[in-house]
Structure formats: structure tokens, C-alpha cells
Amino acid sequence: MSAREEREAELAAGAGAFGRWLLQERELRGLERDEVAKLTRLTPGMIEALESGDPERMPPKAYVFGYLRTYAGVVGLDADDVVLRWQEVVGPEANVAVAPRRNRPRAIATMIAAIVGVAVLLALAVALFAPPRQRAPLQLRKAPSAERAPYPSEPPPGR
């Protein structure tokens, strides 16, 4: 057996063990394959390919990491751990730089801050650059004169 054939056999064995591990983890959590397929929006055949670990049935390398992360999230596994396990199976030649997973709460907070900032700038622009409203001229009326009561010329007694 050549070195290449040995490597392929080793890869197939490791991938099969990896696939069985995924299957076992899903079954331990009581999830059906169709349910995972629906939640991940992957086809049941793709879920089966991931769980079989058969290199011939696996999706193209460009998609594997994303599919594994999605699968892990639905099943309740740590996505980074699943990807690292897969990289250990396939070896260094298949390892490609994986972008770190975005921190979604931070991304959401950033998006909200950006929206609030744009709203404040828009309100400020409207307040500064909007044409002044036309107001009706203020009309002052002269108050009617009131008659004064006559005051006594003498102060009241006791003062």
C-alpha cells in the first residue's frame, strides 16, 4: 500500500469516527435528523453526509466549516470544538485559516449603536437645516381701562 493510500484510509477511518461522534451527540440530545435538517436549513442528505464522515459524501471544503458550525449550534455543541475536531481528522494539508467566530451580541450592540447614532444625526440635521415655520404675527390689544374706586381721604379709624 502506498503512502497516499495509507493516508486516505487513515482519513476515512478518522472521518468515520468523527461522523459517528456527531451522530451520537445528536441522538443523545434526542434530535431527529429531519429536525436538525429543518433547523439548519441543510438537506437531510447533507446531515447524513456529515454524520457518515465519508470523505466522498462530504461537501466541498469551502462549505464544511460553515455546515459544521451550523450543525453544532443546533445540536448544542461548541462550534469551535467541532471545527477543531474536524481539522484534527483531516490533517494539516486541509487546514485553512478559519476566521474567528463573530461575537453576535457585540455585533447586535454595534448595529443598534449605529442606528441610534444615525437617528440622532438625522434629528440634528432636521433641527438645524429645516426652514423656520411661519408664525402668525402677534397682535397686542390694549387692555380696557378700569375705573378706580374712590379712596377715602381719611384713613380708617384705629390706624
N, C-alpha and C. Protein backbone atom coordinates (compact mmCIF):
# COMPACT_ATOMS: atom_id res chain seq x y z
N MET A 1 0.85 -1.18 0.00
CA MET A 1 0.00 0.00 0.00
C MET A 1 0.90 1.23 0.00
N SER A 2 0.59 2.19 -0.86
CA SER A 2 1.40 3.40 -0.96
C SER A 2 1.08 4.35 0.19
N ALA A 3 1.91 5.34 0.35
CA ALA A 3 1.71 6.31 1.42
C ALA A 3 0.41 7.09 1.22
N ARG A 4 0.10 7.36 -0.03
CA ARG A 4 -1.14 8.09 -0.32
C ARG A 4 -2.35 7.26 0.05
N GLU A 5 -2.34 6.00 -0.30
CA GLU A 5 -3.46 5.11 0.02
C GLU A 5 -3.60 4.95 1.53
N GLU A 6 -2.45 4.88 2.24
CA GLU A 6 -2.50 4.78 3.70
C GLU A 6 -3.12 6.04 4.29
N ARG A 7 -2.73 7.17 3.76
CA ARG A 7 -3.28 8.45 4.25
C ARG A 7 -4.78 8.53 3.99
N GLU A 8 -5.23 8.10 2.83
CA GLU A 8 -6.66 8.11 2.51
C GLU A 8 -7.42 7.16 3.43
N ALA A 9 -6.85 5.99 3.71
CA ALA A 9 -7.51 5.03 4.60
C ALA A 9 -7.58 5.60 6.02
N GLU A 10 -6.51 6.26 6.45
CA GLU A 10 -6.48 6.88 7.78
C GLU A 10 -7.51 8.01 7.86
N LEU A 11 -7.59 8.80 6.79
CA LEU A 11 -8.56 9.89 6.74
C LEU A 11 -9.98 9.34 6.79
N ALA A 12 -10.24 8.28 6.03
CA ALA A 12 -11.58 7.69 6.01
C ALA A 12 -11.95 7.16 7.40
N ALA A 13 -10.99 6.50 8.08
CA ALA A 13 -11.26 5.97 9.42
C ALA A 13 -11.53 7.11 10.40
N GLY A 14 -10.70 8.15 10.36
CA GLY A 14 -10.88 9.28 11.27
C GLY A 14 -12.16 10.03 10.98
N ALA A 15 -12.47 10.21 9.70
CA ALA A 15 -13.70 10.91 9.33
C ALA A 15 -14.92 10.09 9.74
N GLY A 16 -14.83 8.78 9.61
CA GLY A 16 -15.94 7.92 10.04
C GLY A 16 -16.17 8.04 11.54
N ALA A 17 -15.08 8.06 12.31
CA ALA A 17 -15.22 8.21 13.77
C ALA A 17 -15.79 9.58 14.11
N PHE A 18 -15.36 10.61 13.39
CA PHE A 18 -15.89 11.95 13.60
C PHE A 18 -17.39 11.99 13.30
N GLY A 19 -17.78 11.38 12.19
CA GLY A 19 -19.20 11.35 11.82
C GLY A 19 -20.03 10.60 12.84
N ARG A 20 -19.51 9.48 13.34
CA ARG A 20 -20.23 8.72 14.37
C ARG A 20 -20.37 9.54 15.65
N TRP A 21 -19.33 10.32 15.96
CA TRP A 21 -19.40 11.17 17.14
C TRP A 21 -20.52 12.21 16.98
N LEU A 22 -20.61 12.85 15.79
CA LEU A 22 -21.68 13.81 15.54
C LEU A 22 -23.05 13.15 15.68
N LEU A 23 -23.19 11.97 15.08
CA LEU A 23 -24.45 11.23 15.15
C LEU A 23 -24.82 10.92 16.59
N GLN A 24 -23.84 10.45 17.35
CA GLN A 24 -24.08 10.09 18.76
C GLN A 24 -24.50 11.32 19.57
N GLU A 25 -23.84 12.43 19.36
CA GLU A 25 -24.19 13.66 20.09
C GLU A 25 -25.61 14.11 19.75
N ARG A 26 -25.99 14.02 18.49
CA ARG A 26 -27.35 14.40 18.10
C ARG A 26 -28.37 13.49 18.75
N GLU A 27 -28.11 12.18 18.71
CA GLU A 27 -29.04 11.21 19.29
C GLU A 27 -29.12 11.34 20.80
N LEU A 28 -28.00 11.67 21.45
CA LEU A 28 -28.02 11.87 22.91
C LEU A 28 -28.94 13.02 23.30
N ARG A 29 -29.07 13.97 22.42
CA ARG A 29 -29.93 15.13 22.70
C ARG A 29 -31.36 14.92 22.22
N GLY A 30 -31.63 13.74 21.69
CA GLY A 30 -33.00 13.39 21.29
C GLY A 30 -33.47 14.11 20.05
N LEU A 31 -32.57 14.47 19.17
CA LEU A 31 -32.95 15.19 17.95
C LEU A 31 -32.98 14.23 16.77
N GLU A 32 -33.99 14.37 15.94
CA GLU A 32 -34.09 13.57 14.72
C GLU A 32 -33.31 14.27 13.60
N ARG A 33 -32.86 13.51 12.64
CA ARG A 33 -32.10 14.06 11.53
C ARG A 33 -32.92 15.10 10.77
N ASP A 34 -34.20 14.80 10.53
CA ASP A 34 -35.05 15.75 9.80
C ASP A 34 -35.24 17.05 10.57
N GLU A 35 -35.32 16.94 11.90
CA GLU A 35 -35.48 18.13 12.73
C GLU A 35 -34.22 19.01 12.64
N VAL A 36 -33.05 18.38 12.69
CA VAL A 36 -31.80 19.13 12.57
C VAL A 36 -31.71 19.74 11.17
N ALA A 37 -32.11 18.98 10.17
CA ALA A 37 -32.08 19.49 8.79
C ALA A 37 -32.97 20.73 8.66
N LYS A 38 -34.12 20.68 9.27
CA LYS A 38 -35.05 21.81 9.19
C LYS A 38 -34.47 23.04 9.89
N LEU A 39 -33.88 22.84 11.07
CA LEU A 39 -33.34 23.95 11.85
C LEU A 39 -32.06 24.53 11.23
N THR A 40 -31.26 23.69 10.59
CA THR A 40 -30.02 24.17 9.98
C THR A 40 -30.23 24.64 8.55
N ARG A 41 -31.36 24.29 7.98
CA ARG A 41 -31.68 24.57 6.57
C ARG A 41 -30.71 23.85 5.63
N LEU A 42 -30.18 22.74 6.11
CA LEU A 42 -29.39 21.85 5.26
C LEU A 42 -30.27 20.69 4.87
N THR A 43 -29.98 20.04 3.77
CA THR A 43 -30.80 18.90 3.35
C THR A 43 -30.51 17.72 4.28
N PRO A 44 -31.50 16.84 4.45
CA PRO A 44 -31.25 15.65 5.27
C PRO A 44 -30.06 14.83 4.72
N GLY A 45 -29.88 14.83 3.41
CA GLY A 45 -28.75 14.13 2.82
C GLY A 45 -27.41 14.73 3.24
N MET A 46 -27.37 16.06 3.38
CA MET A 46 -26.14 16.72 3.81
C MET A 46 -25.86 16.40 5.28
N ILE A 47 -26.92 16.38 6.09
CA ILE A 47 -26.75 15.99 7.51
C ILE A 47 -26.22 14.57 7.58
N GLU A 48 -26.79 13.69 6.77
CA GLU A 48 -26.34 12.30 6.74
C GLU A 48 -24.88 12.21 6.29
N ALA A 49 -24.49 13.04 5.33
CA ALA A 49 -23.10 13.03 4.86
C ALA A 49 -22.16 13.50 5.96
N LEU A 50 -22.55 14.53 6.71
CA LEU A 50 -21.71 15.00 7.82
C LEU A 50 -21.58 13.91 8.88
N GLU A 51 -22.69 13.24 9.16
CA GLU A 51 -22.68 12.21 10.20
C GLU A 51 -22.04 10.91 9.75
N SER A 52 -21.94 10.70 8.45
CA SER A 52 -21.27 9.48 7.98
C SER A 52 -19.76 9.67 8.01
N GLY A 53 -19.34 10.91 7.82
CA GLY A 53 -17.91 11.19 7.79
C GLY A 53 -17.23 10.68 6.53
N ASP A 54 -17.99 10.18 5.59
CA ASP A 54 -17.43 9.66 4.35
C ASP A 54 -16.88 10.82 3.53
N PRO A 55 -15.57 10.85 3.29
CA PRO A 55 -14.99 11.97 2.55
C PRO A 55 -15.59 12.15 1.16
N GLU A 56 -16.06 11.07 0.56
CA GLU A 56 -16.67 11.17 -0.77
C GLU A 56 -18.00 11.91 -0.74
N ARG A 57 -18.69 11.83 0.39
CA ARG A 57 -20.02 12.45 0.50
C ARG A 57 -19.98 13.82 1.17
N MET A 58 -18.84 14.19 1.72
CA MET A 58 -18.73 15.48 2.40
C MET A 58 -18.85 16.62 1.39
N PRO A 59 -19.36 17.74 1.84
CA PRO A 59 -19.47 18.90 0.94
C PRO A 59 -18.07 19.43 0.61
N PRO A 60 -17.98 20.34 -0.36
CA PRO A 60 -16.67 20.93 -0.68
C PRO A 60 -16.06 21.60 0.55
N LYS A 61 -14.73 21.64 0.58
CA LYS A 61 -14.00 22.16 1.74
C LYS A 61 -14.46 23.56 2.14
N ALA A 62 -14.80 24.36 1.15
CA ALA A 62 -15.21 25.73 1.44
C ALA A 62 -16.48 25.80 2.29
N TYR A 63 -17.30 24.75 2.25
CA TYR A 63 -18.57 24.75 2.98
C TYR A 63 -18.52 23.98 4.28
N VAL A 64 -17.55 23.09 4.43
CA VAL A 64 -17.55 22.17 5.58
C VAL A 64 -17.58 22.92 6.90
N PHE A 65 -16.72 23.93 7.07
CA PHE A 65 -16.65 24.62 8.35
C PHE A 65 -17.98 25.31 8.69
N GLY A 66 -18.57 25.95 7.71
CA GLY A 66 -19.85 26.61 7.97
C GLY A 66 -20.94 25.62 8.31
N TYR A 67 -21.00 24.50 7.58
CA TYR A 67 -22.00 23.48 7.87
C TYR A 67 -21.79 22.89 9.25
N LEU A 68 -20.54 22.63 9.60
CA LEU A 68 -20.26 22.07 10.92
C LEU A 68 -20.61 23.05 12.04
N ARG A 69 -20.33 24.32 11.83
CA ARG A 69 -20.69 25.32 12.85
C ARG A 69 -22.21 25.40 13.02
N THR A 70 -22.92 25.39 11.91
CA THR A 70 -24.38 25.45 11.96
C THR A 70 -24.94 24.22 12.65
N TYR A 71 -24.45 23.06 12.27
CA TYR A 71 -24.87 21.79 12.87
C TYR A 71 -24.62 21.82 14.38
N ALA A 72 -23.41 22.26 14.76
CA ALA A 72 -23.05 22.29 16.18
C ALA A 72 -23.98 23.22 16.95
N GLY A 73 -24.29 24.37 16.39
CA GLY A 73 -25.17 25.31 17.08
C GLY A 73 -26.56 24.74 17.33
N VAL A 74 -27.08 24.01 16.36
CA VAL A 74 -28.43 23.44 16.51
C VAL A 74 -28.42 22.27 17.50
N VAL A 75 -27.38 21.45 17.42
CA VAL A 75 -27.31 20.27 18.29
C VAL A 75 -26.93 20.66 19.71
N GLY A 76 -26.27 21.79 19.88
CA GLY A 76 -25.90 22.22 21.22
C GLY A 76 -24.44 21.93 21.55
N LEU A 77 -23.61 21.83 20.54
CA LEU A 77 -22.18 21.60 20.73
C LEU A 77 -21.44 22.91 20.55
N ASP A 78 -20.22 22.97 21.06
CA ASP A 78 -19.38 24.14 20.85
C ASP A 78 -18.87 24.12 19.41
N ALA A 79 -19.20 25.13 18.65
CA ALA A 79 -18.86 25.15 17.22
C ALA A 79 -17.35 25.12 16.99
N ASP A 80 -16.61 25.85 17.81
CA ASP A 80 -15.16 25.86 17.64
C ASP A 80 -14.57 24.48 17.92
N ASP A 81 -15.10 23.80 18.93
CA ASP A 81 -14.63 22.45 19.26
C ASP A 81 -14.90 21.49 18.10
N VAL A 82 -16.07 21.58 17.50
CA VAL A 82 -16.42 20.69 16.39
C VAL A 82 -15.48 20.93 15.21
N VAL A 83 -15.23 22.20 14.88
CA VAL A 83 -14.33 22.52 13.76
C VAL A 83 -12.92 22.03 14.05
N LEU A 84 -12.45 22.22 15.28
CA LEU A 84 -11.11 21.75 15.63
C LEU A 84 -11.00 20.23 15.53
N ARG A 85 -12.04 19.53 15.96
CA ARG A 85 -12.04 18.06 15.85
C ARG A 85 -11.96 17.65 14.38
N TRP A 86 -12.70 18.36 13.53
CA TRP A 86 -12.67 18.03 12.10
C TRP A 86 -11.27 18.29 11.52
N GLN A 87 -10.66 19.39 11.93
CA GLN A 87 -9.32 19.70 11.44
C GLN A 87 -8.30 18.66 11.90
N GLU A 88 -8.48 18.13 13.10
CA GLU A 88 -7.59 17.07 13.56
C GLU A 88 -7.73 15.82 12.71
N VAL A 89 -8.96 15.57 12.25
CA VAL A 89 -9.21 14.38 11.43
C VAL A 89 -8.59 14.52 10.06
N VAL A 90 -8.81 15.65 9.41
CA VAL A 90 -8.37 15.79 8.02
C VAL A 90 -6.90 16.12 7.89
N GLY A 91 -6.27 16.59 8.96
CA GLY A 91 -4.84 16.82 8.92
C GLY A 91 -4.48 18.22 8.50
N PRO A 92 -3.18 18.52 8.54
CA PRO A 92 -2.73 19.89 8.30
C PRO A 92 -2.91 20.38 6.87
N GLU A 93 -2.87 19.50 5.87
CA GLU A 93 -2.99 19.99 4.50
C GLU A 93 -4.39 20.51 4.20
N ALA A 94 -5.37 20.08 4.95
CA ALA A 94 -6.72 20.57 4.71
C ALA A 94 -7.07 21.73 5.62
N ASN A 95 -6.17 22.02 6.56
CA ASN A 95 -6.44 23.13 7.47
C ASN A 95 -6.30 24.44 6.73
N VAL A 96 -7.33 25.18 6.74
CA VAL A 96 -7.29 26.52 6.18
C VAL A 96 -7.57 27.47 7.32
N ALA A 97 -7.13 28.68 7.16
CA ALA A 97 -7.35 29.66 8.23
C ALA A 97 -8.85 29.87 8.39
N VAL A 98 -9.31 29.64 9.58
CA VAL A 98 -10.73 29.82 9.87
C VAL A 98 -10.88 31.15 10.57
N ALA A 99 -11.72 31.97 10.02
CA ALA A 99 -11.97 33.27 10.65
C ALA A 99 -12.61 33.03 12.01
N PRO A 100 -12.21 33.77 13.01
CA PRO A 100 -12.83 33.58 14.32
C PRO A 100 -14.31 33.90 14.24
N ARG A 101 -15.05 33.18 15.02
CA ARG A 101 -16.49 33.36 15.02
C ARG A 101 -16.84 34.72 15.58
N ARG A 102 -17.74 35.39 14.91
CA ARG A 102 -18.14 36.71 15.37
C ARG A 102 -18.93 36.59 16.65
N ASN A 103 -18.72 37.55 17.49
CA ASN A 103 -19.47 37.60 18.73
C ASN A 103 -20.80 38.30 18.42
N ARG A 104 -21.85 37.55 18.29
CA ARG A 104 -23.13 38.11 17.84
C ARG A 104 -23.69 39.19 18.75
N PRO A 105 -23.64 39.01 20.08
CA PRO A 105 -24.18 40.10 20.90
C PRO A 105 -23.43 41.42 20.66
N ARG A 106 -22.13 41.35 20.45
CA ARG A 106 -21.38 42.57 20.19
C ARG A 106 -21.78 43.15 18.84
N ALA A 107 -22.00 42.30 17.85
CA ALA A 107 -22.40 42.78 16.54
C ALA A 107 -23.78 43.43 16.61
N ILE A 108 -24.66 42.86 17.38
CA ILE A 108 -26.01 43.43 17.53
C ILE A 108 -25.92 44.78 18.25
N ALA A 109 -25.11 44.85 19.31
CA ALA A 109 -24.95 46.10 20.05
C ALA A 109 -24.36 47.18 19.15
N THR A 110 -23.41 46.80 18.30
CA THR A 110 -22.81 47.75 17.38
C THR A 110 -23.85 48.25 16.38
N MET A 111 -24.68 47.33 15.90
CA MET A 111 -25.72 47.70 14.94
C MET A 111 -26.72 48.67 15.58
N ILE A 112 -27.12 48.40 16.81
CA ILE A 112 -28.07 49.27 17.50
C ILE A 112 -27.45 50.65 17.72
N ALA A 113 -26.18 50.68 18.13
CA ALA A 113 -25.50 51.96 18.35
C ALA A 113 -25.41 52.75 17.05
N ALA A 114 -25.15 52.08 15.96
CA ALA A 114 -25.08 52.76 14.66
C ALA A 114 -26.43 53.34 14.28
N ILE A 115 -27.50 52.59 14.49
CA ILE A 115 -28.84 53.07 14.15
C ILE A 115 -29.21 54.28 15.01
N VAL A 116 -28.92 54.21 16.31
CA VAL A 116 -29.21 55.33 17.20
C VAL A 116 -28.40 56.56 16.78
N GLY A 117 -27.14 56.35 16.44
CA GLY A 117 -26.29 57.45 16.01
C GLY A 117 -26.82 58.12 14.76
N VAL A 118 -27.24 57.34 13.80
CA VAL A 118 -27.80 57.89 12.56
C VAL A 118 -29.10 58.65 12.85
N ALA A 119 -29.92 58.12 13.76
CA ALA A 119 -31.17 58.80 14.10
C ALA A 119 -30.89 60.15 14.76
N VAL A 120 -29.90 60.19 15.65
CA VAL A 120 -29.55 61.45 16.32
C VAL A 120 -29.03 62.47 15.30
N LEU A 121 -28.16 62.01 14.40
CA LEU A 121 -27.64 62.92 13.38
C LEU A 121 -28.75 63.43 12.47
N LEU A 122 -29.67 62.58 12.12
CA LEU A 122 -30.79 62.98 11.28
C LEU A 122 -31.67 64.02 11.99
N ALA A 123 -31.95 63.79 13.27
CA ALA A 123 -32.76 64.75 14.03
C ALA A 123 -32.05 66.08 14.15
N LEU A 124 -30.75 66.05 14.36
CA LEU A 124 -29.96 67.27 14.45
C LEU A 124 -29.96 68.03 13.12
N ALA A 125 -29.80 67.32 12.04
CA ALA A 125 -29.82 67.94 10.72
C ALA A 125 -31.16 68.59 10.44
N VAL A 126 -32.24 67.92 10.77
CA VAL A 126 -33.57 68.48 10.55
C VAL A 126 -33.75 69.74 11.40
N ALA A 127 -33.30 69.70 12.65
CA ALA A 127 -33.46 70.85 13.54
C ALA A 127 -32.64 72.05 13.06
N LEU A 128 -31.45 71.79 12.53
CA LEU A 128 -30.58 72.90 12.12
C LEU A 128 -30.91 73.45 10.73
N PHE A 129 -31.30 72.58 9.82
CA PHE A 129 -31.43 73.00 8.43
C PHE A 129 -32.88 73.13 7.95
N ALA A 130 -33.84 72.83 8.75
CA ALA A 130 -35.23 72.96 8.34
C ALA A 130 -35.59 74.44 8.27
N PRO A 131 -36.37 74.86 7.26
CA PRO A 131 -36.76 76.27 7.18
C PRO A 131 -37.64 76.63 8.38
N PRO A 132 -37.51 77.87 8.84
CA PRO A 132 -38.33 78.26 10.00
C PRO A 132 -39.81 78.27 9.64
N ARG A 133 -40.61 77.90 10.60
CA ARG A 133 -42.06 77.88 10.36
C ARG A 133 -42.60 79.32 10.40
N GLN A 134 -43.59 79.59 9.57
CA GLN A 134 -44.23 80.89 9.56
C GLN A 134 -45.23 80.94 10.70
N ARG A 135 -45.08 81.97 11.50
CA ARG A 135 -45.99 82.14 12.62
C ARG A 135 -46.89 83.35 12.36
N ALA A 136 -48.08 83.26 12.87
CA ALA A 136 -48.99 84.40 12.75
C ALA A 136 -48.43 85.54 13.59
N PRO A 137 -48.52 86.76 13.08
CA PRO A 137 -47.99 87.90 13.87
C PRO A 137 -48.76 88.03 15.18
N LEU A 138 -48.04 88.41 16.17
CA LEU A 138 -48.63 88.56 17.49
C LEU A 138 -49.40 89.89 17.52
N GLN A 139 -50.64 89.83 17.90
CA GLN A 139 -51.46 91.03 17.96
C GLN A 139 -51.71 91.37 19.42
N LEU A 140 -51.27 92.55 19.78
CA LEU A 140 -51.47 93.00 21.15
C LEU A 140 -52.68 93.92 21.19
N ARG A 141 -53.50 93.68 22.14
CA ARG A 141 -54.67 94.54 22.34
C ARG A 141 -54.48 95.35 23.61
N LYS A 142 -54.96 96.55 23.51
CA LYS A 142 -54.87 97.40 24.68
C LYS A 142 -55.93 96.95 25.68
N ALA A 143 -55.50 96.79 26.90
CA ALA A 143 -56.43 96.36 27.93
C ALA A 143 -57.43 97.47 28.21
N PRO A 144 -58.68 97.07 28.40
CA PRO A 144 -59.66 98.13 28.70
C PRO A 144 -59.33 98.79 30.03
N SER A 145 -59.51 100.09 30.06
CA SER A 145 -59.18 100.80 31.30
C SER A 145 -60.26 100.51 32.33
N ALA A 146 -59.82 100.35 33.52
CA ALA A 146 -60.76 100.05 34.61
C ALA A 146 -60.95 101.33 35.43
N GLU A 147 -62.15 101.48 35.86
CA GLU A 147 -62.42 102.64 36.70
C GLU A 147 -61.94 102.34 38.09
N ARG A 148 -61.35 103.36 38.71
CA ARG A 148 -60.86 103.18 40.05
C ARG A 148 -61.94 103.63 41.03
N ALA A 149 -61.98 102.87 42.06
CA ALA A 149 -62.93 103.27 43.11
C ALA A 149 -62.32 104.45 43.88
N PRO A 150 -63.15 105.35 44.27
CA PRO A 150 -62.60 106.49 45.01
C PRO A 150 -62.09 106.04 46.38
N TYR A 151 -60.94 106.54 46.74
CA TYR A 151 -60.38 106.22 48.04
C TYR A 151 -60.82 107.28 49.04
N PRO A 152 -61.06 106.82 50.23
CA PRO A 152 -61.43 107.83 51.23
C PRO A 152 -60.24 108.73 51.52
N SER A 153 -60.50 109.95 51.75
CA SER A 153 -59.42 110.90 52.03
C SER A 153 -58.92 110.73 53.43
N GLU A 154 -59.72 110.17 54.30
CA GLU A 154 -59.29 109.95 55.67
C GLU A 154 -58.97 108.49 55.88
N PRO A 155 -57.92 108.23 56.63
CA PRO A 155 -57.64 106.83 56.92
C PRO A 155 -58.69 106.27 57.85
N PRO A 156 -58.90 104.97 57.79
CA PRO A 156 -59.91 104.37 58.67
C PRO A 156 -59.53 104.55 60.13
N PRO A 157 -60.53 104.59 61.01
CA PRO A 157 -60.22 104.78 62.42
C PRO A 157 -59.45 103.60 62.97
N GLY A 158 -58.60 103.80 63.89
CA GLY A 158 -57.83 102.76 64.53
C GLY A 158 -56.44 102.64 63.93
N ARG A 159 -56.18 103.46 63.04
CA ARG A 159 -54.83 103.40 62.46
C ARG A 159 -54.07 104.59 62.76
